Structures are given as C-alpha cells and as structure tokens.
Amino acid sequence: MTLVRYKNEIPNLLTNFFNNDLENFGLSNFSSTNTTLPSVNIKENPEGFEVEVAAPGFDKNDFIIELNGDVLTISSEKQIENETKDDERFTKREFSYQSFTRSFTLPDVVESDKITAKYDNGILQIVIPKKEEAKPKPVKQIAVK
C-alpha cells in the first residue's frame, strides 16, 4: 500500500489572497510561457523600500524598469543565439529565450522621482525612498509651563 501525503492548500490560498498580489494569483512563480519568474524580496525600513530581484545571468542593460502612475514594472527580454557555420548541420537545436514582467503597486508614501536601481552579482536592487512626511519623527520632549 502506498501512502499519499495530503497537502493542505488553504494556508497558501489565504496567504496569496491577503498578500495583495491578486494580479499574479495562480501564476505565483510562472509566466504565461511556463518559464519561472525571478524571485523577489521586498524590504521596508524607515527610509524607504528595497526591492531585490534574483536574476542571475542577465546584464544590467537587459532590464527595463518603468513607473506608470503608482505601478512599478520590472521586465526583461533576453534571447541567446548560438552561431553555426554554413557547413554545419544539426538534428536538434534548442533556442534560449528568457523574458519576464513583474509589476508592483507603490504606496502613496514613496518619493517616485528618487527611485534608483543597480545590478550586481545576479541581483537587481531597486531602492524606493519614502517622502519626508512619511518617515518616522524622532521623539520630541514637550516642556510643561
């Protein structure tokens, strides 16, 4: 007799639903062409947000980062062509093609004019600073008169 482990999908369903990523619901890490999407980390600190995209094997010129209103879109399209000589024949040749698009809705507290990006060691890092009024204020002592 073979035992089959039951995988409870309810926590993942609830987690996906409440992550406010409804446009990617059901596609979690797969694009429409069944290629994997790069994993993303989003960190928040008092100064702003940092988005890290794991995209090894790319070049910094392969990325397109656009801001349309409050939607930040990160995309890339890369086609690798292998050259063959005229006298070569092959019975099978597989093309390498990679593309992805990830979109994120930014909150109102970001300073969209000051977004920066850099690519280093396979990680695309996008820094999104917060507006001054959204940053936490230091503790202020108020004198009693």
C-alpha atoms as a PDB file:
ATOM      1  CA  MET A   1       0.000   0.000   0.000  1.00  0.00           C
ATOM      2  CA  THR A   2       1.314   3.456  -0.940  1.00  0.00           C
ATOM      3  CA  LEU A   3       0.796   6.354   1.388  1.00  0.00           C
ATOM      4  CA  VAL A   4      -0.047   9.674  -0.214  1.00  0.00           C
ATOM      5  CA  ARG A   5       0.646  12.761   1.801  1.00  0.00           C
ATOM      6  CA  TYR A   6      -2.201  15.256   1.714  1.00  0.00           C
ATOM      7  CA  LYS A   7      -1.043  18.781   1.046  1.00  0.00           C
ATOM      8  CA  ASN A   8      -3.216  21.374   2.721  1.00  0.00           C
ATOM      9  CA  GLU A   9      -3.691  24.223   0.202  1.00  0.00           C
ATOM     10  CA  ILE A  10      -5.794  26.504   2.407  1.00  0.00           C
ATOM     11  CA  PRO A  11      -2.919  28.398   4.114  1.00  0.00           C
ATOM     12  CA  ASN A  12      -1.278  29.092   0.751  1.00  0.00           C
ATOM     13  CA  LEU A  13      -4.584  30.214  -0.726  1.00  0.00           C
ATOM     14  CA  LEU A  14      -5.201  32.602   2.166  1.00  0.00           C
ATOM     15  CA  THR A  15      -1.626  33.847   2.121  1.00  0.00           C
ATOM     16  CA  ASN A  16      -1.824  34.542  -1.618  1.00  0.00           C
ATOM     17  CA  PHE A  17      -5.186  36.240  -1.256  1.00  0.00           C
ATOM     18  CA  PHE A  18      -4.111  38.584   1.525  1.00  0.00           C
ATOM     19  CA  ASN A  19      -0.708  39.417   0.014  1.00  0.00           C
ATOM     20  CA  ASN A  20      -2.456  41.993  -2.224  1.00  0.00           C
ATOM     21  CA  ASP A  21      -0.913  40.369  -5.284  1.00  0.00           C
ATOM     22  CA  LEU A  22      -4.180  39.461  -6.981  1.00  0.00           C
ATOM     23  CA  GLU A  23      -2.946  40.151 -10.496  1.00  0.00           C
ATOM     24  CA  ASN A  24      -0.428  37.325 -10.067  1.00  0.00           C
ATOM     25  CA  PHE A  25      -2.895  34.997  -8.320  1.00  0.00           C
ATOM     26  CA  GLY A  26      -2.478  31.489  -9.704  1.00  0.00           C
ATOM     27  CA  LEU A  27       0.724  32.382 -11.517  1.00  0.00           C
ATOM     28  CA  SER A  28       2.864  32.680  -8.403  1.00  0.00           C
ATOM     29  CA  ASN A  29       6.235  31.896  -9.980  1.00  0.00           C
ATOM     30  CA  PHE A  30       5.325  31.041 -13.552  1.00  0.00           C
ATOM     31  CA  SER A  31       4.841  33.261 -16.570  1.00  0.00           C
ATOM     32  CA  SER A  32       2.336  32.609 -19.357  1.00  0.00           C
ATOM     33  CA  THR A  33       5.037  30.658 -21.210  1.00  0.00           C
ATOM     34  CA  ASN A  34       5.671  28.297 -18.259  1.00  0.00           C
ATOM     35  CA  THR A  35       9.071  29.828 -17.537  1.00  0.00           C
ATOM     36  CA  THR A  36       9.898  30.655 -13.961  1.00  0.00           C
ATOM     37  CA  LEU A  37       9.728  34.244 -12.820  1.00  0.00           C
ATOM     38  CA  PRO A  38      12.611  35.612 -10.792  1.00  0.00           C
ATOM     39  CA  SER A  39      12.060  35.604  -7.051  1.00  0.00           C
ATOM     40  CA  VAL A  40      11.587  38.975  -5.387  1.00  0.00           C
ATOM     41  CA  ASN A  41      12.325  40.233  -1.867  1.00  0.00           C
ATOM     42  CA  ILE A  42      10.717  43.465  -0.699  1.00  0.00           C
ATOM     43  CA  LYS A  43      12.114  45.085   2.448  1.00  0.00           C
ATOM     44  CA  GLU A  44      10.858  48.157   4.273  1.00  0.00           C
ATOM     45  CA  ASN A  45      12.888  50.361   6.586  1.00  0.00           C
ATOM     46  CA  PRO A  46      12.288  53.866   7.985  1.00  0.00           C
ATOM     47  CA  GLU A  47      13.922  55.460   4.925  1.00  0.00           C
ATOM     48  CA  GLY A  48      12.049  53.542   2.224  1.00  0.00           C
ATOM     49  CA  PHE A  49      11.644  50.238   0.433  1.00  0.00           C
ATOM     50  CA  GLU A  50      14.160  47.950  -1.242  1.00  0.00           C
ATOM     51  CA  VAL A  51      13.161  45.513  -3.984  1.00  0.00           C
ATOM     52  CA  GLU A  52      15.617  42.717  -4.770  1.00  0.00           C
ATOM     53  CA  VAL A  53      15.090  40.644  -7.925  1.00  0.00           C
ATOM     54  CA  ALA A  54      17.100  37.429  -8.302  1.00  0.00           C
ATOM     55  CA  ALA A  55      18.075  37.390 -11.982  1.00  0.00           C
ATOM     56  CA  PRO A  56      21.440  35.663 -12.481  1.00  0.00           C
ATOM     57  CA  GLY A  57      22.878  35.509 -15.978  1.00  0.00           C
ATOM     58  CA  PHE A  58      21.443  38.842 -17.051  1.00  0.00           C
ATOM     59  CA  ASP A  59      23.240  42.074 -17.859  1.00  0.00           C
ATOM     60  CA  LYS A  60      22.207  45.445 -16.436  1.00  0.00           C
ATOM     61  CA  ASN A  61      21.189  46.527 -19.946  1.00  0.00           C
ATOM     62  CA  ASP A  62      18.696  43.616 -20.166  1.00  0.00           C
ATOM     63  CA  PHE A  63      16.298  45.238 -17.655  1.00  0.00           C
ATOM     64  CA  ILE A  64      13.539  47.736 -18.300  1.00  0.00           C
ATOM     65  CA  ILE A  65      12.200  49.469 -15.187  1.00  0.00           C
ATOM     66  CA  GLU A  66       9.183  51.713 -15.703  1.00  0.00           C
ATOM     67  CA  LEU A  67       6.992  53.743 -13.385  1.00  0.00           C
ATOM     68  CA  ASN A  68       3.493  54.418 -14.718  1.00  0.00           C
ATOM     69  CA  GLY A  69       1.484  56.317 -12.134  1.00  0.00           C
ATOM     70  CA  ASP A  70       1.910  54.250  -8.979  1.00  0.00           C
ATOM     71  CA  VAL A  71       2.761  50.964 -10.765  1.00  0.00           C
ATOM     72  CA  LEU A  72       6.419  49.930 -10.904  1.00  0.00           C
ATOM     73  CA  THR A  73       7.083  47.404 -13.690  1.00  0.00           C
ATOM     74  CA  ILE A  74      10.307  45.402 -13.971  1.00  0.00           C
ATOM     75  CA  SER A  75      10.788  43.464 -17.191  1.00  0.00           C
ATOM     76  CA  SER A  76      13.476  41.825 -19.251  1.00  0.00           C
ATOM     77  CA  GLU A  77      13.757  40.067 -22.572  1.00  0.00           C
ATOM     78  CA  LYS A  78      16.848  38.129 -23.481  1.00  0.00           C
ATOM     79  CA  GLN A  79      17.424  35.911 -26.493  1.00  0.00           C
ATOM     80  CA  ILE A  80      20.623  33.898 -26.770  1.00  0.00           C
ATOM     81  CA  GLU A  81      21.576  32.908 -30.272  1.00  0.00           C
ATOM     82  CA  ASN A  82      24.197  30.295 -30.986  1.00  0.00           C
ATOM     83  CA  GLU A  83      26.026  30.895 -34.230  1.00  0.00           C
ATOM     84  CA  THR A  84      26.505  27.974 -36.597  1.00  0.00           C
ATOM     85  CA  LYS A  85      28.758  27.752 -39.597  1.00  0.00           C
ATOM     86  CA  ASP A  86      27.358  27.232 -43.105  1.00  0.00           C
ATOM     87  CA  ASP A  87      28.813  23.717 -43.359  1.00  0.00           C
ATOM     88  CA  GLU A  88      27.286  22.582 -40.042  1.00  0.00           C
ATOM     89  CA  ARG A  89      24.111  20.557 -39.876  1.00  0.00           C
ATOM     90  CA  PHE A  90      22.235  19.748 -36.742  1.00  0.00           C
ATOM     91  CA  THR A  91      19.342  17.434 -35.994  1.00  0.00           C
ATOM     92  CA  LYS A  92      18.223  19.284 -32.892  1.00  0.00           C
ATOM     93  CA  ARG A  93      18.712  22.849 -31.807  1.00  0.00           C
ATOM     94  CA  GLU A  94      17.154  24.462 -28.777  1.00  0.00           C
ATOM     95  CA  PHE A  95      16.864  28.206 -28.630  1.00  0.00           C
ATOM     96  CA  SER A  96      17.345  30.006 -25.353  1.00  0.00           C
ATOM     97  CA  TYR A  97      14.849  32.732 -24.651  1.00  0.00           C
ATOM     98  CA  GLN A  98      14.159  34.371 -21.318  1.00  0.00           C
ATOM     99  CA  SER A  99      11.640  37.067 -20.542  1.00  0.00           C
ATOM    100  CA  PHE A 100       9.635  38.185 -17.548  1.00  0.00           C
ATOM    101  CA  THR A 101       7.500  41.035 -16.297  1.00  0.00           C
ATOM    102  CA  ARG A 102       6.720  41.813 -12.658  1.00  0.00           C
ATOM    103  CA  SER A 103       4.535  44.734 -11.580  1.00  0.00           C
ATOM    104  CA  PHE A 104       4.064  46.244  -8.118  1.00  0.00           C
ATOM    105  CA  THR A 105       1.699  48.960  -6.926  1.00  0.00           C
ATOM    106  CA  LEU A 106       3.613  51.515  -4.883  1.00  0.00           C
ATOM    107  CA  PRO A 107       2.091  53.164  -1.807  1.00  0.00           C
ATOM    108  CA  ASP A 108       1.428  56.919  -1.719  1.00  0.00           C
ATOM    109  CA  VAL A 109       4.300  57.491   0.733  1.00  0.00           C
ATOM    110  CA  VAL A 110       7.121  56.936  -1.811  1.00  0.00           C
ATOM    111  CA  GLU A 111       9.240  59.596  -3.482  1.00  0.00           C
ATOM    112  CA  SER A 112       8.875  58.326  -7.062  1.00  0.00           C
ATOM    113  CA  ASP A 113      11.341  60.864  -8.532  1.00  0.00           C
ATOM    114  CA  LYS A 114      14.207  59.445  -6.458  1.00  0.00           C
ATOM    115  CA  ILE A 115      13.953  55.704  -7.296  1.00  0.00           C
ATOM    116  CA  THR A 116      17.345  54.164  -8.125  1.00  0.00           C
ATOM    117  CA  ALA A 117      18.419  50.764  -9.410  1.00  0.00           C
ATOM    118  CA  LYS A 118      21.637  48.779  -9.686  1.00  0.00           C
ATOM    119  CA  TYR A 119      22.526  45.261 -10.799  1.00  0.00           C
ATOM    120  CA  ASP A 120      25.315  43.360  -9.089  1.00  0.00           C
ATOM    121  CA  ASN A 121      26.148  39.636  -8.781  1.00  0.00           C
ATOM    122  CA  GLY A 122      22.824  38.460 -10.224  1.00  0.00           C
ATOM    123  CA  ILE A 123      20.669  40.689  -8.011  1.00  0.00           C
ATOM    124  CA  LEU A 124      18.756  43.683  -9.339  1.00  0.00           C
ATOM    125  CA  GLN A 125      18.308  46.096  -6.433  1.00  0.00           C
ATOM    126  CA  ILE A 126      15.736  48.900  -6.639  1.00  0.00           C
ATOM    127  CA  VAL A 127      15.692  51.500  -3.848  1.00  0.00           C
ATOM    128  CA  ILE A 128      12.416  53.379  -3.385  1.00  0.00           C
ATOM    129  CA  PRO A 129      12.748  56.194  -0.813  1.00  0.00           C
ATOM    130  CA  LYS A 130       9.846  57.436   1.301  1.00  0.00           C
ATOM    131  CA  LYS A 131       8.653  61.050   1.340  1.00  0.00           C
ATOM    132  CA  GLU A 132       9.940  63.109   4.271  1.00  0.00           C
ATOM    133  CA  GLU A 133       6.487  63.384   5.834  1.00  0.00           C
ATOM    134  CA  ALA A 134       6.148  59.568   5.804  1.00  0.00           C
ATOM    135  CA  LYS A 135       9.398  58.960   7.676  1.00  0.00           C
ATOM    136  CA  PRO A 136       9.106  58.409  11.433  1.00  0.00           C
ATOM    137  CA  LYS A 137       9.725  61.515  13.515  1.00  0.00           C
ATOM    138  CA  PRO A 138      12.180  61.442  16.418  1.00  0.00           C
ATOM    139  CA  VAL A 139      10.830  61.550  19.948  1.00  0.00           C
ATOM    140  CA  LYS A 140      10.208  65.136  20.991  1.00  0.00           C
ATOM    141  CA  GLN A 141      10.066  66.337  24.587  1.00  0.00           C
ATOM    142  CA  ILE A 142       7.413  68.927  25.312  1.00  0.00           C
ATOM    143  CA  ALA A 143       8.042  71.268  28.229  1.00  0.00           C
ATOM    144  CA  VAL A 144       5.255  71.817  30.732  1.00  0.00           C
ATOM    145  CA  LYS A 145       4.630  75.513  31.524  1.00  0.00           C
END
